[in-house]
Amino acid sequence: PRAWSVLENWACKPSVLAVRHLLEAGAIGNPEAYTARLVRAVGPADTLGWRTPGSYKGCFLLDVGVHLLRATRVWFGEVEEVCDVQLADGGVSGRASLTHRRDARVVCGTLEWQFIV
């Protein structure tokens, strides 16, 4: 059976898979930590309906940020723990600390986002 997974589409993105291949090959060492930053300008068409800042918790983070989170899961394994979540302006900006685990390897990361409205 086929499944429709909107936020999961970055798991198939060639650039995301290329980074995973480099990590698995040991070409860029054995990362123990990372910081991923997402900064995106948001235009008038992006602020309609549920994307209107303040109308829905998470706002643009749920629309765009989930893709970056998915990429980190492809690279470093599933998220085992989320802590130190800081939201500002209804989720328009913020940060979270994540712990990933793949087999015996643990990678700690920081995911930061800012949407410029």
N, C-alpha and C. Protein backbone atom coordinates (compact mmCIF):
# COMPACT_ATOMS: atom_id res chain seq x y z
N PRO A 1 0.82 -1.20 0.00
CA PRO A 1 0.00 0.00 0.00
C PRO A 1 0.87 1.27 0.00
N ARG A 2 0.35 2.31 -0.59
CA ARG A 2 1.04 3.59 -0.65
C ARG A 2 0.61 4.46 0.52
N ALA A 3 1.56 5.27 0.99
CA ALA A 3 1.27 6.20 2.08
C ALA A 3 1.58 7.60 1.58
N TRP A 4 0.79 8.55 2.03
CA TRP A 4 1.01 9.95 1.69
C TRP A 4 1.59 10.63 2.91
N SER A 5 2.83 11.07 2.81
CA SER A 5 3.53 11.66 3.95
C SER A 5 4.11 13.00 3.54
N VAL A 6 3.41 14.06 3.85
CA VAL A 6 3.82 15.38 3.42
C VAL A 6 5.13 15.80 4.07
N LEU A 7 5.23 15.74 5.39
CA LEU A 7 6.44 16.23 6.03
C LEU A 7 7.61 15.29 5.82
N GLU A 8 7.35 14.10 5.37
CA GLU A 8 8.41 13.12 5.18
C GLU A 8 9.09 13.26 3.82
N ASN A 9 8.64 14.16 2.96
CA ASN A 9 9.20 14.20 1.61
C ASN A 9 10.67 14.57 1.56
N TRP A 10 11.20 15.23 2.58
CA TRP A 10 12.63 15.56 2.58
C TRP A 10 13.49 14.32 2.79
N ALA A 11 12.91 13.22 3.22
CA ALA A 11 13.67 11.98 3.37
C ALA A 11 14.13 11.46 2.01
N CYS A 12 13.51 11.94 0.94
CA CYS A 12 13.84 11.50 -0.41
C CYS A 12 14.56 12.57 -1.22
N LYS A 13 14.80 13.72 -0.63
CA LYS A 13 15.43 14.84 -1.34
C LYS A 13 16.90 14.51 -1.63
N PRO A 14 17.35 14.66 -2.88
CA PRO A 14 18.73 14.28 -3.23
C PRO A 14 19.80 14.93 -2.36
N SER A 15 19.66 16.20 -2.02
CA SER A 15 20.68 16.86 -1.19
C SER A 15 20.72 16.28 0.22
N VAL A 16 19.57 15.94 0.77
CA VAL A 16 19.51 15.34 2.11
C VAL A 16 20.14 13.95 2.07
N LEU A 17 19.83 13.19 1.03
CA LEU A 17 20.41 11.85 0.90
C LEU A 17 21.91 11.89 0.66
N ALA A 18 22.39 12.92 -0.04
CA ALA A 18 23.83 13.06 -0.28
C ALA A 18 24.57 13.28 1.03
N VAL A 19 24.01 14.11 1.91
CA VAL A 19 24.63 14.33 3.23
C VAL A 19 24.62 13.04 4.03
N ARG A 20 23.52 12.31 3.99
CA ARG A 20 23.46 11.03 4.72
C ARG A 20 24.53 10.07 4.21
N HIS A 21 24.71 10.01 2.91
CA HIS A 21 25.73 9.14 2.33
C HIS A 21 27.12 9.54 2.83
N LEU A 22 27.40 10.83 2.86
CA LEU A 22 28.70 11.31 3.37
C LEU A 22 28.89 10.93 4.84
N LEU A 23 27.84 11.06 5.63
CA LEU A 23 27.92 10.70 7.04
C LEU A 23 28.17 9.20 7.21
N GLU A 24 27.42 8.39 6.46
CA GLU A 24 27.57 6.93 6.57
C GLU A 24 28.94 6.47 6.09
N ALA A 25 29.51 7.16 5.11
CA ALA A 25 30.82 6.80 4.58
C ALA A 25 31.96 7.29 5.47
N GLY A 26 31.65 8.11 6.47
CA GLY A 26 32.67 8.66 7.34
C GLY A 26 33.47 9.78 6.69
N ALA A 27 32.96 10.29 5.57
CA ALA A 27 33.68 11.31 4.81
C ALA A 27 33.79 12.64 5.54
N ILE A 28 32.89 12.89 6.49
CA ILE A 28 32.95 14.15 7.23
C ILE A 28 33.08 13.88 8.73
N GLY A 29 33.71 12.76 9.04
CA GLY A 29 33.96 12.43 10.44
C GLY A 29 32.76 11.80 11.12
N ASN A 30 32.76 11.85 12.43
CA ASN A 30 31.70 11.28 13.24
C ASN A 30 31.09 12.39 14.10
N PRO A 31 30.14 13.14 13.56
CA PRO A 31 29.58 14.29 14.29
C PRO A 31 28.98 13.88 15.64
N GLU A 32 29.24 14.69 16.63
CA GLU A 32 28.66 14.49 17.95
C GLU A 32 27.60 15.54 18.25
N ALA A 33 27.64 16.66 17.50
CA ALA A 33 26.70 17.75 17.73
C ALA A 33 26.51 18.54 16.44
N TYR A 34 25.40 19.23 16.34
CA TYR A 34 25.14 20.09 15.18
C TYR A 34 24.25 21.25 15.61
N THR A 35 24.25 22.28 14.78
CA THR A 35 23.29 23.37 14.87
C THR A 35 22.69 23.54 13.48
N ALA A 36 21.39 23.48 13.38
CA ALA A 36 20.70 23.68 12.11
C ALA A 36 19.88 24.96 12.24
N ARG A 37 20.08 25.89 11.32
CA ARG A 37 19.36 27.17 11.35
C ARG A 37 18.50 27.30 10.10
N LEU A 38 17.28 27.70 10.32
CA LEU A 38 16.35 27.94 9.22
C LEU A 38 15.92 29.40 9.31
N VAL A 39 16.27 30.17 8.31
CA VAL A 39 15.84 31.57 8.22
C VAL A 39 15.14 31.72 6.89
N ARG A 40 13.91 32.22 6.93
CA ARG A 40 13.13 32.32 5.69
C ARG A 40 12.28 33.57 5.72
N ALA A 41 12.32 34.31 4.63
CA ALA A 41 11.42 35.45 4.47
C ALA A 41 10.03 34.92 4.13
N VAL A 42 9.03 35.54 4.69
CA VAL A 42 7.65 35.13 4.48
C VAL A 42 6.90 36.27 3.80
N GLY A 43 6.33 35.99 2.64
CA GLY A 43 5.61 37.01 1.89
C GLY A 43 4.12 37.01 2.21
N PRO A 44 3.38 37.96 1.63
CA PRO A 44 1.94 38.09 1.92
C PRO A 44 1.15 36.81 1.63
N ALA A 45 1.49 36.08 0.59
CA ALA A 45 0.76 34.85 0.27
C ALA A 45 0.99 33.76 1.31
N ASP A 46 2.11 33.86 2.04
CA ASP A 46 2.43 32.87 3.08
C ASP A 46 1.71 33.13 4.39
N THR A 47 1.03 34.25 4.52
CA THR A 47 0.42 34.61 5.80
C THR A 47 -1.10 34.51 5.77
N LEU A 48 -1.62 33.69 4.90
CA LEU A 48 -3.07 33.53 4.80
C LEU A 48 -3.54 32.34 5.64
N GLY A 49 -4.78 32.39 6.08
CA GLY A 49 -5.39 31.26 6.78
C GLY A 49 -4.64 30.85 8.02
N TRP A 50 -4.39 29.55 8.15
CA TRP A 50 -3.76 29.02 9.36
C TRP A 50 -2.31 29.47 9.51
N ARG A 51 -1.71 30.01 8.44
CA ARG A 51 -0.33 30.48 8.53
C ARG A 51 -0.23 31.89 9.13
N THR A 52 -1.33 32.55 9.35
CA THR A 52 -1.31 33.89 9.93
C THR A 52 -0.66 33.84 11.31
N PRO A 53 0.41 34.62 11.53
CA PRO A 53 1.06 34.60 12.84
C PRO A 53 0.06 34.82 13.97
N GLY A 54 0.12 33.95 14.96
CA GLY A 54 -0.77 34.04 16.11
C GLY A 54 -2.06 33.27 15.96
N SER A 55 -2.41 32.83 14.74
CA SER A 55 -3.67 32.12 14.56
C SER A 55 -3.56 30.64 14.90
N TYR A 56 -2.36 30.12 14.88
CA TYR A 56 -2.16 28.70 15.16
C TYR A 56 -0.78 28.52 15.77
N LYS A 57 -0.70 27.88 16.90
CA LYS A 57 0.61 27.67 17.53
C LYS A 57 1.52 26.91 16.60
N GLY A 58 2.70 27.42 16.44
CA GLY A 58 3.66 26.78 15.55
C GLY A 58 3.77 27.48 14.22
N CYS A 59 2.65 27.97 13.71
CA CYS A 59 2.62 28.80 12.51
C CYS A 59 3.52 28.27 11.40
N PHE A 60 4.52 29.04 11.00
CA PHE A 60 5.40 28.66 9.89
C PHE A 60 6.28 27.47 10.23
N LEU A 61 6.55 27.28 11.52
CA LEU A 61 7.37 26.15 11.92
C LEU A 61 6.72 24.84 11.50
N LEU A 62 5.41 24.75 11.65
CA LEU A 62 4.70 23.54 11.25
C LEU A 62 4.63 23.41 9.73
N ASP A 63 4.67 24.51 9.04
CA ASP A 63 4.57 24.50 7.59
C ASP A 63 5.90 24.20 6.92
N VAL A 64 6.97 24.80 7.40
CA VAL A 64 8.28 24.70 6.75
C VAL A 64 9.30 24.00 7.64
N GLY A 65 9.29 24.29 8.92
CA GLY A 65 10.30 23.77 9.83
C GLY A 65 10.33 22.27 9.95
N VAL A 66 9.19 21.62 9.74
CA VAL A 66 9.15 20.16 9.85
C VAL A 66 10.09 19.49 8.83
N HIS A 67 10.32 20.16 7.71
CA HIS A 67 11.19 19.58 6.69
C HIS A 67 12.64 19.54 7.14
N LEU A 68 13.10 20.60 7.79
CA LEU A 68 14.46 20.61 8.32
C LEU A 68 14.59 19.57 9.44
N LEU A 69 13.57 19.45 10.27
CA LEU A 69 13.59 18.43 11.31
C LEU A 69 13.69 17.04 10.70
N ARG A 70 12.97 16.82 9.62
CA ARG A 70 13.02 15.51 8.95
C ARG A 70 14.42 15.24 8.43
N ALA A 71 15.07 16.26 7.88
CA ALA A 71 16.44 16.07 7.37
C ALA A 71 17.36 15.65 8.50
N THR A 72 17.25 16.27 9.68
CA THR A 72 18.12 15.88 10.79
C THR A 72 17.86 14.44 11.21
N ARG A 73 16.63 13.98 11.10
CA ARG A 73 16.30 12.58 11.43
C ARG A 73 16.93 11.63 10.42
N VAL A 74 16.97 12.02 9.16
CA VAL A 74 17.62 11.20 8.13
C VAL A 74 19.12 11.11 8.42
N TRP A 75 19.73 12.22 8.80
CA TRP A 75 21.17 12.27 9.02
C TRP A 75 21.61 11.59 10.30
N PHE A 76 20.88 11.83 11.40
CA PHE A 76 21.37 11.45 12.72
C PHE A 76 20.52 10.42 13.46
N GLY A 77 19.41 10.01 12.89
CA GLY A 77 18.53 9.05 13.55
C GLY A 77 17.33 9.72 14.19
N GLU A 78 16.48 8.90 14.75
CA GLU A 78 15.24 9.42 15.34
C GLU A 78 15.53 10.28 16.56
N VAL A 79 14.64 11.21 16.81
CA VAL A 79 14.77 12.09 17.98
C VAL A 79 14.35 11.29 19.21
N GLU A 80 15.25 11.24 20.16
CA GLU A 80 14.99 10.52 21.40
C GLU A 80 14.50 11.45 22.50
N GLU A 81 14.97 12.70 22.45
CA GLU A 81 14.59 13.65 23.49
C GLU A 81 14.57 15.06 22.92
N VAL A 82 13.59 15.84 23.36
CA VAL A 82 13.50 17.26 23.02
C VAL A 82 13.47 18.02 24.34
N CYS A 83 14.30 19.04 24.45
CA CYS A 83 14.29 19.83 25.67
C CYS A 83 14.66 21.27 25.34
N ASP A 84 14.52 22.13 26.31
CA ASP A 84 14.88 23.54 26.18
C ASP A 84 14.23 24.19 24.96
N VAL A 85 12.94 24.00 24.81
CA VAL A 85 12.21 24.62 23.69
C VAL A 85 11.89 26.06 24.06
N GLN A 86 12.24 26.97 23.17
CA GLN A 86 11.97 28.38 23.39
C GLN A 86 11.25 28.92 22.15
N LEU A 87 10.03 29.42 22.33
CA LEU A 87 9.24 29.98 21.24
C LEU A 87 9.10 31.48 21.44
N ALA A 88 9.11 32.20 20.33
CA ALA A 88 8.87 33.64 20.37
C ALA A 88 7.88 34.00 19.28
N ASP A 89 7.09 35.00 19.52
CA ASP A 89 6.13 35.50 18.52
C ASP A 89 5.23 34.40 17.97
N GLY A 90 4.73 33.55 18.84
CA GLY A 90 3.81 32.50 18.40
C GLY A 90 4.46 31.43 17.53
N GLY A 91 5.76 31.26 17.67
CA GLY A 91 6.46 30.24 16.89
C GLY A 91 7.16 30.79 15.67
N VAL A 92 7.08 32.11 15.45
CA VAL A 92 7.74 32.72 14.30
C VAL A 92 9.25 32.58 14.42
N SER A 93 9.75 32.53 15.65
CA SER A 93 11.17 32.25 15.87
C SER A 93 11.30 31.41 17.12
N GLY A 94 12.44 30.73 17.23
CA GLY A 94 12.65 29.90 18.41
C GLY A 94 13.82 28.95 18.23
N ARG A 95 13.94 28.06 19.21
CA ARG A 95 15.00 27.07 19.19
C ARG A 95 14.60 25.88 20.05
N ALA A 96 15.20 24.74 19.78
CA ALA A 96 14.98 23.54 20.58
C ALA A 96 16.24 22.70 20.56
N SER A 97 16.51 22.05 21.67
CA SER A 97 17.63 21.13 21.76
C SER A 97 17.10 19.71 21.56
N LEU A 98 17.79 18.94 20.74
CA LEU A 98 17.35 17.59 20.38
C LEU A 98 18.46 16.58 20.65
N THR A 99 18.08 15.39 21.02
CA THR A 99 19.03 14.28 21.12
C THR A 99 18.55 13.20 20.16
N HIS A 100 19.43 12.82 19.24
CA HIS A 100 19.14 11.77 18.26
C HIS A 100 19.88 10.50 18.63
N ARG A 101 19.32 9.37 18.24
CA ARG A 101 20.01 8.10 18.43
C ARG A 101 19.85 7.25 17.18
N ARG A 102 20.99 6.75 16.71
CA ARG A 102 21.00 5.77 15.63
C ARG A 102 21.95 4.68 16.09
N ASP A 103 21.40 3.50 16.33
CA ASP A 103 22.16 2.38 16.89
C ASP A 103 22.77 2.84 18.22
N ALA A 104 24.07 2.76 18.38
CA ALA A 104 24.70 3.16 19.65
C ALA A 104 25.18 4.61 19.62
N ARG A 105 25.03 5.27 18.49
CA ARG A 105 25.54 6.63 18.35
C ARG A 105 24.50 7.65 18.81
N VAL A 106 24.94 8.61 19.60
CA VAL A 106 24.08 9.69 20.08
C VAL A 106 24.63 11.00 19.53
N VAL A 107 23.74 11.81 18.96
CA VAL A 107 24.12 13.13 18.44
C VAL A 107 23.19 14.16 19.06
N CYS A 108 23.78 15.21 19.62
CA CYS A 108 23.00 16.30 20.22
C CYS A 108 22.92 17.45 19.22
N GLY A 109 21.77 18.04 19.10
CA GLY A 109 21.61 19.12 18.14
C GLY A 109 20.78 20.26 18.66
N THR A 110 20.95 21.37 17.98
CA THR A 110 20.13 22.55 18.24
C THR A 110 19.47 22.94 16.94
N LEU A 111 18.17 23.05 16.97
CA LEU A 111 17.39 23.48 15.81
C LEU A 111 16.91 24.89 16.09
N GLU A 112 17.28 25.85 15.24
CA GLU A 112 16.87 27.24 15.41
C GLU A 112 16.10 27.69 14.17
N TRP A 113 15.11 28.54 14.37
CA TRP A 113 14.34 29.03 13.23
C TRP A 113 13.96 30.49 13.43
N GLN A 114 13.85 31.15 12.31
CA GLN A 114 13.37 32.55 12.31
C GLN A 114 12.69 32.79 10.97
N PHE A 115 11.45 33.19 11.04
CA PHE A 115 10.70 33.55 9.84
C PHE A 115 10.53 35.06 9.85
N ILE A 116 10.96 35.69 8.79
CA ILE A 116 10.92 37.14 8.69
C ILE A 116 9.62 37.53 8.00
N VAL A 117 8.74 38.12 8.76
CA VAL A 117 7.40 38.46 8.27
C VAL A 117 7.38 39.90 7.80
